[in-house]
């Protein structure tokens, strides 16, 4: 397969430097590398230009998001995908800032989840949380009423659930204490009980 390295380097500012290195499929040597900082992309080869980047592997491809409009010559809207040879758009993108990406299987198959501060994804209304199934975007439950800054999967003994954290007080239409969990598409059960 393809090898890649992602490195988020700390500094005195929030998430301001991400380094991405990728190889060609089957090779052990990195063939392209990008250093991303506050909207400025310094690349060995053409790559994306954005600020506040985050990245994750999904379905054998590298997805990178943040605030961006172009990646490797392709027009994108705040999220791009590297397929091993080139960058491209992820559907029609996300309208707003993407803070975090995660993968999760809600029982309907593995999907890519994006959290941030946005109103729509792929032309579909999605309040700060959206799901990409590999071909199209969809809203996740009722979303969140504020920015989503963290997504993680955790099994508390009742099965894996997608947890979201951020600056919100409701998720999926239910009260949440800056965190919410779901073993489905964020039905809004709020923070789980201990």
N, C-alpha and C. Protein backbone atom coordinates (compact mmCIF):
# COMPACT_ATOMS: atom_id res chain seq x y z
N UNK A 1 0.82 -1.19 0.00
CA UNK A 1 0.00 0.00 0.00
C UNK A 1 0.85 1.24 0.00
N UNK A 2 0.18 2.34 0.16
CA UNK A 2 0.84 3.64 0.18
C UNK A 2 1.23 4.00 1.61
N UNK A 3 2.41 4.56 1.78
CA UNK A 3 2.87 4.99 3.10
C UNK A 3 2.70 6.50 3.22
N UNK A 4 2.39 6.94 4.43
CA UNK A 4 2.33 8.37 4.68
C UNK A 4 2.61 8.66 6.13
N UNK A 5 3.04 9.87 6.39
CA UNK A 5 3.31 10.34 7.74
C UNK A 5 2.60 11.66 7.91
N UNK A 6 1.92 11.82 9.03
CA UNK A 6 1.29 13.08 9.40
C UNK A 6 1.91 13.52 10.71
N UNK A 7 2.29 14.75 10.80
CA UNK A 7 2.90 15.24 12.02
C UNK A 7 2.35 16.63 12.31
N UNK A 8 1.68 16.76 13.44
CA UNK A 8 1.15 18.05 13.87
C UNK A 8 2.12 18.61 14.89
N UNK A 9 2.89 19.63 14.53
CA UNK A 9 3.92 20.16 15.40
C UNK A 9 3.38 21.26 16.29
N UNK A 10 3.60 21.14 17.61
CA UNK A 10 3.09 22.16 18.53
C UNK A 10 3.91 23.44 18.46
N UNK A 11 3.24 24.52 18.76
CA UNK A 11 3.90 25.81 18.89
C UNK A 11 3.08 26.64 19.85
N UNK A 12 3.30 27.91 19.90
CA UNK A 12 2.54 28.75 20.82
C UNK A 12 1.16 29.10 20.28
N UNK A 13 0.81 28.59 19.09
CA UNK A 13 -0.51 28.83 18.53
C UNK A 13 -1.21 27.51 18.34
N UNK A 14 -2.54 27.54 18.24
CA UNK A 14 -3.36 26.34 18.13
C UNK A 14 -3.19 25.66 16.78
N UNK A 15 -2.73 24.42 16.75
CA UNK A 15 -2.65 23.58 15.56
C UNK A 15 -2.14 24.32 14.33
N UNK A 16 -1.03 25.01 14.42
CA UNK A 16 -0.69 25.84 13.27
C UNK A 16 0.31 25.23 12.30
N UNK A 17 0.83 24.03 12.53
CA UNK A 17 1.74 23.45 11.56
C UNK A 17 1.46 21.96 11.40
N UNK A 18 1.21 21.54 10.19
CA UNK A 18 0.99 20.14 9.87
C UNK A 18 1.94 19.77 8.75
N UNK A 19 2.67 18.68 8.92
CA UNK A 19 3.55 18.18 7.89
C UNK A 19 2.98 16.86 7.39
N UNK A 20 2.87 16.71 6.07
CA UNK A 20 2.35 15.49 5.44
C UNK A 20 3.38 15.01 4.44
N UNK A 21 3.72 13.73 4.54
CA UNK A 21 4.62 13.11 3.57
C UNK A 21 3.94 11.86 3.04
N UNK A 22 3.97 11.63 1.73
CA UNK A 22 3.33 10.46 1.12
C UNK A 22 4.30 9.78 0.16
N UNK A 23 4.10 8.45 0.01
CA UNK A 23 4.89 7.68 -0.95
C UNK A 23 3.99 7.27 -2.10
N UNK A 24 4.59 6.77 -3.15
CA UNK A 24 3.81 6.15 -4.21
C UNK A 24 3.43 4.75 -3.73
N UNK A 25 2.28 4.21 -4.16
CA UNK A 25 1.88 2.88 -3.72
C UNK A 25 2.99 1.85 -3.94
N UNK A 26 3.29 1.06 -2.89
CA UNK A 26 4.29 0.01 -2.98
C UNK A 26 5.72 0.46 -2.73
N UNK A 27 5.96 1.78 -2.64
CA UNK A 27 7.32 2.28 -2.42
C UNK A 27 7.54 2.60 -0.95
N UNK A 28 8.77 2.52 -0.49
CA UNK A 28 9.11 2.80 0.90
C UNK A 28 9.68 4.20 1.08
N UNK A 29 9.88 4.93 0.00
CA UNK A 29 10.45 6.27 0.06
C UNK A 29 9.34 7.30 -0.17
N UNK A 30 9.34 8.37 0.63
CA UNK A 30 8.35 9.43 0.45
C UNK A 30 8.66 10.21 -0.81
N UNK A 31 7.64 10.42 -1.63
CA UNK A 31 7.84 11.10 -2.90
C UNK A 31 7.33 12.54 -2.89
N UNK A 32 6.43 12.87 -1.96
CA UNK A 32 5.90 14.24 -1.88
C UNK A 32 5.74 14.61 -0.41
N UNK A 33 5.94 15.91 -0.13
CA UNK A 33 5.80 16.38 1.24
C UNK A 33 5.30 17.82 1.22
N UNK A 34 4.40 18.13 2.16
CA UNK A 34 3.85 19.46 2.30
C UNK A 34 4.01 19.91 3.74
N UNK A 35 4.30 21.18 3.93
CA UNK A 35 4.33 21.81 5.25
C UNK A 35 3.26 22.89 5.22
N UNK A 36 2.24 22.74 6.04
CA UNK A 36 1.08 23.63 6.02
C UNK A 36 1.04 24.47 7.28
N UNK A 37 0.95 25.79 7.11
CA UNK A 37 0.89 26.68 8.26
C UNK A 37 0.03 27.90 7.91
N UNK A 38 -1.04 28.08 8.65
CA UNK A 38 -1.89 29.27 8.53
C UNK A 38 -2.16 29.71 7.10
N UNK A 39 -2.63 28.81 6.26
CA UNK A 39 -2.99 29.16 4.90
C UNK A 39 -1.86 29.16 3.90
N UNK A 40 -0.63 28.99 4.38
CA UNK A 40 0.53 28.98 3.49
C UNK A 40 1.03 27.55 3.34
N UNK A 41 1.14 27.09 2.12
CA UNK A 41 1.62 25.74 1.84
C UNK A 41 3.00 25.81 1.23
N UNK A 42 3.95 25.19 1.87
CA UNK A 42 5.30 25.09 1.32
C UNK A 42 5.47 23.64 0.93
N UNK A 43 5.53 23.37 -0.36
CA UNK A 43 5.55 21.99 -0.84
C UNK A 43 6.76 21.69 -1.69
N UNK A 44 7.14 20.41 -1.66
CA UNK A 44 8.17 19.94 -2.59
C UNK A 44 7.56 19.78 -3.97
N UNK A 45 6.30 19.43 -4.02
CA UNK A 45 5.51 19.30 -5.26
C UNK A 45 4.20 20.06 -5.00
N UNK A 46 3.35 20.21 -6.01
CA UNK A 46 2.11 20.95 -5.80
C UNK A 46 1.22 20.21 -4.82
N UNK A 47 0.63 20.93 -3.91
CA UNK A 47 -0.22 20.34 -2.89
C UNK A 47 -1.27 21.34 -2.43
N UNK A 48 -1.97 21.03 -1.36
CA UNK A 48 -3.05 21.91 -0.91
C UNK A 48 -2.53 23.15 -0.18
N UNK A 49 -3.36 24.18 -0.15
CA UNK A 49 -3.07 25.39 0.59
C UNK A 49 -4.27 25.68 1.48
N UNK A 50 -4.05 25.71 2.79
CA UNK A 50 -5.13 25.93 3.74
C UNK A 50 -4.60 26.35 5.09
N UNK A 51 -5.49 26.61 6.03
CA UNK A 51 -5.09 26.87 7.40
C UNK A 51 -5.87 25.93 8.32
N UNK A 52 -5.37 25.73 9.51
CA UNK A 52 -5.93 24.85 10.53
C UNK A 52 -6.23 23.46 9.99
N UNK A 53 -5.23 22.77 9.45
CA UNK A 53 -5.48 21.46 8.84
C UNK A 53 -5.65 20.32 9.84
N UNK A 54 -6.40 19.31 9.43
CA UNK A 54 -6.51 18.04 10.13
C UNK A 54 -6.54 16.97 9.04
N UNK A 55 -6.16 15.74 9.38
CA UNK A 55 -6.06 14.70 8.36
C UNK A 55 -6.36 13.33 8.96
N UNK A 56 -6.82 12.40 8.10
CA UNK A 56 -7.10 11.03 8.51
C UNK A 56 -7.15 10.13 7.28
N UNK A 57 -6.86 8.86 7.48
CA UNK A 57 -7.01 7.89 6.39
C UNK A 57 -8.42 7.31 6.46
N UNK A 58 -9.05 7.22 5.31
CA UNK A 58 -10.37 6.59 5.20
C UNK A 58 -10.44 5.89 3.86
N UNK A 59 -10.84 4.65 3.86
CA UNK A 59 -11.03 3.86 2.64
C UNK A 59 -9.76 3.83 1.77
N UNK A 60 -8.59 3.76 2.44
CA UNK A 60 -7.33 3.68 1.73
C UNK A 60 -6.85 4.98 1.12
N UNK A 61 -7.49 6.09 1.46
CA UNK A 61 -7.09 7.40 0.92
C UNK A 61 -6.84 8.35 2.09
N UNK A 62 -6.07 9.40 1.82
CA UNK A 62 -5.75 10.40 2.82
C UNK A 62 -6.67 11.60 2.64
N UNK A 63 -7.46 11.92 3.66
CA UNK A 63 -8.36 13.07 3.63
C UNK A 63 -7.76 14.15 4.50
N UNK A 64 -7.71 15.38 3.99
CA UNK A 64 -7.17 16.52 4.71
C UNK A 64 -8.19 17.64 4.63
N UNK A 65 -8.44 18.28 5.76
CA UNK A 65 -9.46 19.33 5.81
C UNK A 65 -8.98 20.50 6.64
N UNK A 66 -9.71 21.57 6.60
CA UNK A 66 -9.40 22.80 7.32
C UNK A 66 -10.15 23.93 6.65
N UNK A 67 -9.43 24.96 6.27
CA UNK A 67 -9.97 26.07 5.50
C UNK A 67 -9.13 26.15 4.24
N UNK A 68 -9.64 25.63 3.11
CA UNK A 68 -8.87 25.60 1.88
C UNK A 68 -9.77 25.72 0.66
N UNK A 69 -9.19 26.21 -0.43
CA UNK A 69 -9.93 26.37 -1.68
C UNK A 69 -9.29 25.65 -2.85
N UNK A 70 -8.03 25.22 -2.69
CA UNK A 70 -7.35 24.52 -3.78
C UNK A 70 -6.42 23.46 -3.23
N UNK A 71 -6.28 22.38 -3.97
CA UNK A 71 -5.35 21.30 -3.60
C UNK A 71 -4.82 20.69 -4.89
N UNK A 72 -3.51 20.82 -5.11
CA UNK A 72 -2.89 20.22 -6.28
C UNK A 72 -3.51 20.62 -7.60
N UNK A 73 -3.98 21.84 -7.72
CA UNK A 73 -4.59 22.31 -8.96
C UNK A 73 -6.09 22.07 -9.04
N UNK A 74 -6.65 21.32 -8.08
CA UNK A 74 -8.10 21.07 -8.05
C UNK A 74 -8.78 22.09 -7.15
N UNK A 75 -9.93 22.57 -7.57
CA UNK A 75 -10.73 23.45 -6.74
C UNK A 75 -11.46 22.60 -5.71
N UNK A 76 -11.32 22.95 -4.45
CA UNK A 76 -11.96 22.21 -3.36
C UNK A 76 -12.61 23.18 -2.40
N UNK A 77 -13.48 22.66 -1.54
CA UNK A 77 -14.11 23.52 -0.55
C UNK A 77 -13.89 22.92 0.84
N UNK A 78 -12.76 23.28 1.45
CA UNK A 78 -12.41 22.99 2.83
C UNK A 78 -12.09 21.53 3.15
N UNK A 79 -12.11 20.64 2.16
CA UNK A 79 -11.70 19.26 2.37
C UNK A 79 -11.22 18.70 1.03
N UNK A 80 -10.11 17.92 1.10
CA UNK A 80 -9.53 17.34 -0.11
C UNK A 80 -9.12 15.91 0.18
N UNK A 81 -8.96 15.12 -0.88
CA UNK A 81 -8.54 13.73 -0.73
C UNK A 81 -7.34 13.46 -1.63
N UNK A 82 -6.35 12.72 -1.08
CA UNK A 82 -5.17 12.28 -1.82
C UNK A 82 -5.36 10.81 -2.11
N UNK A 83 -5.41 10.40 -3.38
CA UNK A 83 -5.67 9.01 -3.75
C UNK A 83 -4.40 8.22 -4.04
N UNK A 84 -3.26 8.80 -3.76
CA UNK A 84 -1.99 8.15 -4.02
C UNK A 84 -1.28 8.75 -5.22
N UNK A 85 -2.02 9.48 -6.03
CA UNK A 85 -1.43 10.10 -7.21
C UNK A 85 -1.76 11.58 -7.32
N UNK A 86 -2.95 11.98 -6.85
CA UNK A 86 -3.35 13.38 -6.99
C UNK A 86 -4.38 13.76 -5.94
N UNK A 87 -4.52 15.09 -5.76
CA UNK A 87 -5.53 15.65 -4.87
C UNK A 87 -6.82 15.87 -5.65
N UNK A 88 -7.95 15.74 -4.99
CA UNK A 88 -9.23 16.06 -5.61
C UNK A 88 -10.23 16.51 -4.55
N UNK A 89 -11.35 17.04 -5.01
CA UNK A 89 -12.42 17.50 -4.12
C UNK A 89 -13.15 16.30 -3.52
N UNK A 90 -13.79 16.51 -2.39
CA UNK A 90 -14.61 15.50 -1.74
C UNK A 90 -16.06 15.94 -1.92
N UNK A 91 -16.69 15.44 -2.99
CA UNK A 91 -18.02 15.93 -3.36
C UNK A 91 -17.92 17.41 -3.65
N UNK A 92 -18.93 18.16 -3.23
CA UNK A 92 -18.86 19.61 -3.40
C UNK A 92 -18.32 20.30 -2.15
N UNK A 93 -17.80 19.50 -1.21
CA UNK A 93 -17.11 20.06 -0.06
C UNK A 93 -18.01 20.47 1.08
N UNK A 94 -17.42 21.26 1.99
CA UNK A 94 -18.08 21.70 3.22
C UNK A 94 -18.04 23.22 3.26
N UNK A 95 -19.18 23.85 3.53
CA UNK A 95 -19.28 25.31 3.60
C UNK A 95 -19.01 25.73 5.04
N UNK A 96 -17.76 26.12 5.32
CA UNK A 96 -17.35 26.52 6.65
C UNK A 96 -16.05 25.85 7.02
N UNK A 97 -15.63 26.00 8.26
CA UNK A 97 -14.35 25.47 8.73
C UNK A 97 -14.50 24.05 9.26
N UNK A 98 -13.58 23.18 8.86
CA UNK A 98 -13.53 21.81 9.38
C UNK A 98 -12.42 21.76 10.43
N UNK A 99 -12.76 21.34 11.66
CA UNK A 99 -11.80 21.27 12.75
C UNK A 99 -11.24 19.87 12.98
N UNK A 100 -12.03 18.84 12.65
CA UNK A 100 -11.64 17.48 13.02
C UNK A 100 -12.26 16.46 12.07
N UNK A 101 -11.54 15.38 11.83
CA UNK A 101 -12.03 14.26 11.02
C UNK A 101 -11.90 12.98 11.84
N UNK A 102 -12.85 12.05 11.66
CA UNK A 102 -12.80 10.75 12.33
C UNK A 102 -13.50 9.73 11.46
N UNK A 103 -13.17 8.46 11.66
CA UNK A 103 -13.89 7.39 10.98
C UNK A 103 -14.68 6.61 12.01
N UNK A 104 -15.85 6.10 11.59
CA UNK A 104 -16.72 5.38 12.51
C UNK A 104 -17.71 4.55 11.71
N UNK A 105 -17.99 3.35 12.21
CA UNK A 105 -19.02 2.49 11.60
C UNK A 105 -20.23 2.51 12.50
N UNK A 106 -21.30 3.16 12.05
CA UNK A 106 -22.52 3.28 12.84
C UNK A 106 -23.47 2.10 12.61
N UNK A 107 -22.97 1.05 11.98
CA UNK A 107 -23.79 -0.11 11.66
C UNK A 107 -24.16 -0.16 10.19
N UNK A 108 -23.97 0.95 9.51
CA UNK A 108 -24.27 1.03 8.08
C UNK A 108 -23.01 1.02 7.23
N UNK A 109 -21.87 0.67 7.83
CA UNK A 109 -20.60 0.68 7.12
C UNK A 109 -19.74 1.83 7.60
N UNK A 110 -18.44 1.66 7.43
CA UNK A 110 -17.51 2.69 7.84
C UNK A 110 -17.74 3.98 7.05
N UNK A 111 -17.60 5.11 7.74
CA UNK A 111 -17.79 6.41 7.10
C UNK A 111 -16.81 7.41 7.69
N UNK A 112 -16.60 8.50 6.97
CA UNK A 112 -15.77 9.60 7.42
C UNK A 112 -16.68 10.66 8.02
N UNK A 113 -16.34 11.12 9.21
CA UNK A 113 -17.12 12.16 9.88
C UNK A 113 -16.28 13.42 9.96
N UNK A 114 -16.89 14.57 9.71
CA UNK A 114 -16.23 15.86 9.80
C UNK A 114 -16.97 16.71 10.82
N UNK A 115 -16.22 17.33 11.71
CA UNK A 115 -16.78 18.24 12.69
C UNK A 115 -16.13 19.60 12.54
N UNK A 116 -16.85 20.63 12.88
CA UNK A 116 -16.29 21.97 12.77
C UNK A 116 -17.34 23.02 13.02
N UNK A 117 -17.22 24.09 12.26
CA UNK A 117 -18.17 25.19 12.34
C UNK A 117 -18.65 25.46 10.93
N UNK A 118 -19.72 24.75 10.54
CA UNK A 118 -20.23 24.86 9.18
C UNK A 118 -21.73 24.62 9.14
N UNK A 119 -22.34 25.04 8.04
CA UNK A 119 -23.79 24.94 7.88
C UNK A 119 -24.21 23.85 6.91
N UNK A 120 -23.31 23.46 6.00
CA UNK A 120 -23.70 22.42 5.03
C UNK A 120 -22.48 21.67 4.52
N UNK A 121 -22.76 20.46 4.02
CA UNK A 121 -21.72 19.61 3.42
C UNK A 121 -22.33 18.96 2.20
N UNK A 122 -21.67 19.11 1.07
CA UNK A 122 -22.18 18.51 -0.16
C UNK A 122 -23.54 19.04 -0.58
N UNK A 123 -23.86 20.28 -0.21
CA UNK A 123 -25.14 20.86 -0.55
C UNK A 123 -26.27 20.46 0.37
N UNK A 124 -25.96 19.65 1.40
CA UNK A 124 -26.97 19.19 2.36
C UNK A 124 -26.78 19.97 3.66
N UNK A 125 -27.88 20.47 4.24
CA UNK A 125 -27.78 21.16 5.52
C UNK A 125 -27.19 20.21 6.56
N UNK A 126 -26.14 20.65 7.22
CA UNK A 126 -25.46 19.84 8.24
C UNK A 126 -24.88 20.79 9.27
N UNK A 127 -25.43 20.81 10.44
CA UNK A 127 -25.04 21.74 11.48
C UNK A 127 -23.81 21.26 12.24
N UNK A 128 -22.63 21.65 11.74
CA UNK A 128 -21.35 21.43 12.41
C UNK A 128 -20.87 19.98 12.47
N UNK A 129 -21.63 19.03 11.90
CA UNK A 129 -21.24 17.63 11.89
C UNK A 129 -21.81 16.98 10.64
N UNK A 130 -20.95 16.30 9.87
CA UNK A 130 -21.39 15.69 8.61
C UNK A 130 -20.72 14.33 8.42
N UNK A 131 -21.33 13.51 7.56
CA UNK A 131 -20.86 12.15 7.30
C UNK A 131 -20.64 11.97 5.80
N UNK A 132 -19.46 11.44 5.43
CA UNK A 132 -19.12 11.13 4.03
C UNK A 132 -19.06 9.61 3.91
N UNK A 133 -19.87 9.01 3.03
CA UNK A 133 -19.90 7.55 2.90
C UNK A 133 -19.03 7.04 1.75
N UNK A 134 -18.25 7.92 1.17
CA UNK A 134 -17.39 7.57 0.04
C UNK A 134 -17.92 8.09 -1.27
N UNK A 135 -19.21 8.45 -1.29
CA UNK A 135 -19.81 8.99 -2.51
C UNK A 135 -20.63 10.26 -2.28
N UNK A 136 -21.17 10.43 -1.07
CA UNK A 136 -21.99 11.62 -0.82
C UNK A 136 -21.96 12.00 0.66
N UNK A 137 -22.27 13.28 0.91
CA UNK A 137 -22.35 13.84 2.26
C UNK A 137 -23.77 13.71 2.79
N UNK A 138 -23.90 13.58 4.11
CA UNK A 138 -25.21 13.61 4.76
C UNK A 138 -25.06 14.27 6.12
N UNK A 139 -26.18 14.77 6.63
CA UNK A 139 -26.20 15.36 7.96
C UNK A 139 -26.12 14.22 8.98
N UNK A 140 -25.65 14.53 10.18
CA UNK A 140 -25.57 13.54 11.25
C UNK A 140 -26.57 13.94 12.32
N UNK A 141 -27.68 13.18 12.40
CA UNK A 141 -28.72 13.52 13.36
C UNK A 141 -29.13 14.97 13.18
N UNK A 142 -29.30 15.68 14.25
CA UNK A 142 -29.62 17.10 14.19
C UNK A 142 -28.38 17.96 14.28
N UNK A 143 -27.19 17.34 14.25
CA UNK A 143 -25.96 18.10 14.34
C UNK A 143 -25.76 18.67 15.73
N UNK A 144 -24.97 19.72 15.83
CA UNK A 144 -24.67 20.39 17.10
C UNK A 144 -24.93 21.88 16.93
N UNK A 145 -25.32 22.54 18.02
CA UNK A 145 -25.65 23.97 17.93
C UNK A 145 -24.45 24.88 18.10
N UNK A 146 -23.25 24.31 18.09
CA UNK A 146 -22.02 25.09 18.16
C UNK A 146 -20.90 24.29 17.53
N UNK A 147 -19.72 24.87 17.53
CA UNK A 147 -18.57 24.24 16.87
C UNK A 147 -18.20 22.90 17.50
N UNK A 148 -17.86 21.94 16.64
CA UNK A 148 -17.35 20.64 17.07
C UNK A 148 -15.83 20.69 16.90
N UNK A 149 -15.11 20.42 18.00
CA UNK A 149 -13.65 20.48 17.98
C UNK A 149 -12.97 19.12 18.12
N UNK A 150 -13.73 18.10 18.55
CA UNK A 150 -13.13 16.78 18.76
C UNK A 150 -14.12 15.69 18.43
N UNK A 151 -13.62 14.61 17.81
CA UNK A 151 -14.41 13.42 17.53
C UNK A 151 -13.55 12.21 17.87
N UNK A 152 -14.13 11.24 18.56
CA UNK A 152 -13.41 10.00 18.84
C UNK A 152 -14.41 8.87 19.01
N UNK A 153 -13.93 7.66 18.81
CA UNK A 153 -14.77 6.47 18.99
C UNK A 153 -14.33 5.79 20.28
N UNK A 154 -15.33 5.41 21.10
CA UNK A 154 -15.04 4.75 22.38
C UNK A 154 -16.14 3.75 22.67
N UNK A 155 -15.76 2.60 23.24
CA UNK A 155 -16.73 1.57 23.64
C UNK A 155 -16.78 1.55 25.15
N UNK A 156 -17.88 2.01 25.72
CA UNK A 156 -18.05 2.04 27.18
C UNK A 156 -18.69 0.76 27.71
N UNK A 157 -18.72 -0.28 26.90
CA UNK A 157 -19.33 -1.54 27.29
C UNK A 157 -20.68 -1.76 26.64
N UNK A 158 -21.22 -0.70 26.04
CA UNK A 158 -22.51 -0.80 25.35
C UNK A 158 -22.34 -0.83 23.84
N UNK A 159 -21.11 -0.95 23.39
CA UNK A 159 -20.82 -0.93 21.96
C UNK A 159 -20.14 0.37 21.59
N UNK A 160 -19.40 0.38 20.49
CA UNK A 160 -18.70 1.59 20.08
C UNK A 160 -19.67 2.74 19.81
N UNK A 161 -19.23 3.92 20.19
CA UNK A 161 -20.02 5.13 19.96
C UNK A 161 -19.09 6.24 19.49
N UNK A 162 -19.61 7.15 18.70
CA UNK A 162 -18.87 8.32 18.25
C UNK A 162 -19.13 9.44 19.25
N UNK A 163 -18.06 9.94 19.86
CA UNK A 163 -18.17 11.02 20.82
C UNK A 163 -17.72 12.32 20.16
N UNK A 164 -18.45 13.38 20.42
CA UNK A 164 -18.10 14.71 19.90
C UNK A 164 -17.91 15.65 21.07
N UNK A 165 -16.92 16.51 20.96
CA UNK A 165 -16.69 17.53 21.98
C UNK A 165 -16.54 18.88 21.31
N UNK A 166 -16.88 19.93 22.02
CA UNK A 166 -16.73 21.25 21.44
C UNK A 166 -17.51 22.30 22.17
N UNK A 167 -17.81 23.37 21.48
CA UNK A 167 -18.51 24.52 22.05
C UNK A 167 -19.99 24.46 21.71
N UNK A 168 -20.67 23.41 22.17
CA UNK A 168 -22.09 23.28 21.90
C UNK A 168 -22.83 22.84 23.16
N UNK A 169 -24.12 23.12 23.20
CA UNK A 169 -24.94 22.74 24.36
C UNK A 169 -26.03 21.75 23.98
N UNK A 170 -26.27 21.59 22.67
CA UNK A 170 -27.20 20.55 22.21
C UNK A 170 -26.58 19.80 21.03
N UNK A 171 -26.89 18.51 20.98
CA UNK A 171 -26.44 17.66 19.87
C UNK A 171 -27.61 16.74 19.53
N UNK A 172 -27.97 16.70 18.26
CA UNK A 172 -29.10 15.87 17.85
C UNK A 172 -30.40 16.33 18.48
N UNK A 173 -30.47 17.58 18.89
CA UNK A 173 -31.69 18.13 19.48
C UNK A 173 -31.80 17.90 20.98
N UNK A 174 -30.85 17.20 21.60
CA UNK A 174 -30.89 16.94 23.03
C UNK A 174 -29.78 17.70 23.74
N UNK A 175 -29.99 17.98 25.02
CA UNK A 175 -28.99 18.68 25.81
C UNK A 175 -27.69 17.87 25.87
N UNK A 176 -26.58 18.59 25.83
CA UNK A 176 -25.26 17.95 25.92
C UNK A 176 -24.36 18.84 26.74
N UNK A 177 -23.45 18.24 27.48
CA UNK A 177 -22.52 19.01 28.30
C UNK A 177 -21.18 19.04 27.60
N UNK A 178 -21.11 19.78 26.49
CA UNK A 178 -19.90 19.93 25.67
C UNK A 178 -19.37 18.61 25.14
N UNK A 179 -20.15 17.54 25.29
CA UNK A 179 -19.78 16.25 24.73
C UNK A 179 -21.05 15.46 24.47
N UNK A 180 -21.04 14.65 23.45
CA UNK A 180 -22.20 13.83 23.15
C UNK A 180 -21.71 12.52 22.57
N UNK A 181 -22.51 11.45 22.74
CA UNK A 181 -22.13 10.14 22.24
C UNK A 181 -23.24 9.55 21.41
N UNK A 182 -22.85 8.69 20.47
CA UNK A 182 -23.84 8.03 19.64
C UNK A 182 -23.30 6.72 19.12
N UNK A 183 -24.14 5.71 19.11
CA UNK A 183 -23.76 4.47 18.44
C UNK A 183 -24.51 4.37 17.13
N UNK A 184 -25.18 5.45 16.79
CA UNK A 184 -25.85 5.61 15.51
C UNK A 184 -25.41 6.95 14.96
N UNK A 185 -26.22 7.54 14.11
CA UNK A 185 -25.88 8.82 13.50
C UNK A 185 -26.28 9.97 14.42
N UNK A 186 -25.62 10.09 15.58
CA UNK A 186 -25.84 11.15 16.57
C UNK A 186 -27.31 11.41 16.84
N UNK A 187 -28.08 10.45 17.41
CA UNK A 187 -29.47 10.72 17.66
C UNK A 187 -29.69 11.77 18.72
N UNK A 188 -28.64 12.17 19.43
CA UNK A 188 -28.76 13.25 20.40
C UNK A 188 -29.09 12.76 21.78
N UNK A 189 -28.55 11.65 22.18
CA UNK A 189 -28.81 11.14 23.53
C UNK A 189 -28.09 11.97 24.58
N UNK A 190 -27.28 12.92 24.16
CA UNK A 190 -26.54 13.75 25.09
C UNK A 190 -25.35 12.99 25.64
N UNK A 191 -24.75 13.55 26.66
CA UNK A 191 -23.58 12.90 27.26
C UNK A 191 -24.01 11.60 27.92
N UNK A 192 -23.23 10.53 27.77
CA UNK A 192 -23.62 9.25 28.35
C UNK A 192 -23.55 9.28 29.86
N UNK A 193 -24.40 8.48 30.49
CA UNK A 193 -24.37 8.38 31.94
C UNK A 193 -23.22 7.50 32.36
N UNK A 194 -22.63 7.76 33.53
CA UNK A 194 -21.49 6.93 33.98
C UNK A 194 -21.91 5.50 34.26
